[in-house]
Amino acid sequence: MILTTLTAIIDGVAGGIFTWRYESMQKAVFGLIGGYFVGLLVYSICLACGWNSVWGLMVLTILFALAGLILTFKYKDELVMELSSAIGSYLFMRGWSYMFGGYPSESVLIE
């Protein structure tokens, strides 16, 4: 456990230094991750409507992640603000739904 904690701290500091020095790379990675989360949100809506497909999950998340990456280069500051609110609200909602249930989850495909 100590080795894992030290590795996580070292990785976090190295990632922080890297993103501090290369701001455009930071925004590009954020756009990629933000697009991935938007793709998960779209798939969650499709899952709630009854569409249950592992390939659909992978295709949607990859397409939205690439779209987020591409759009980041055109709309850097606007996209960071929009994706921050989208990711925050998505993670907040998923946390509550995991604790109390009642909302379809991507993990249904694994079970």
Foldseek 3Di string as FASTA:
>chain_A
DVVVVVVVVVVVVVVVVVCVVPVLVVLLVLLLVLLLLVLQVVVLVVVQVPDQDPVSSVVSSNVSSVVSNVVCVVPVPVSNVVSVVSVVVSVVVVVVCVVVNDGDDNCVNVD
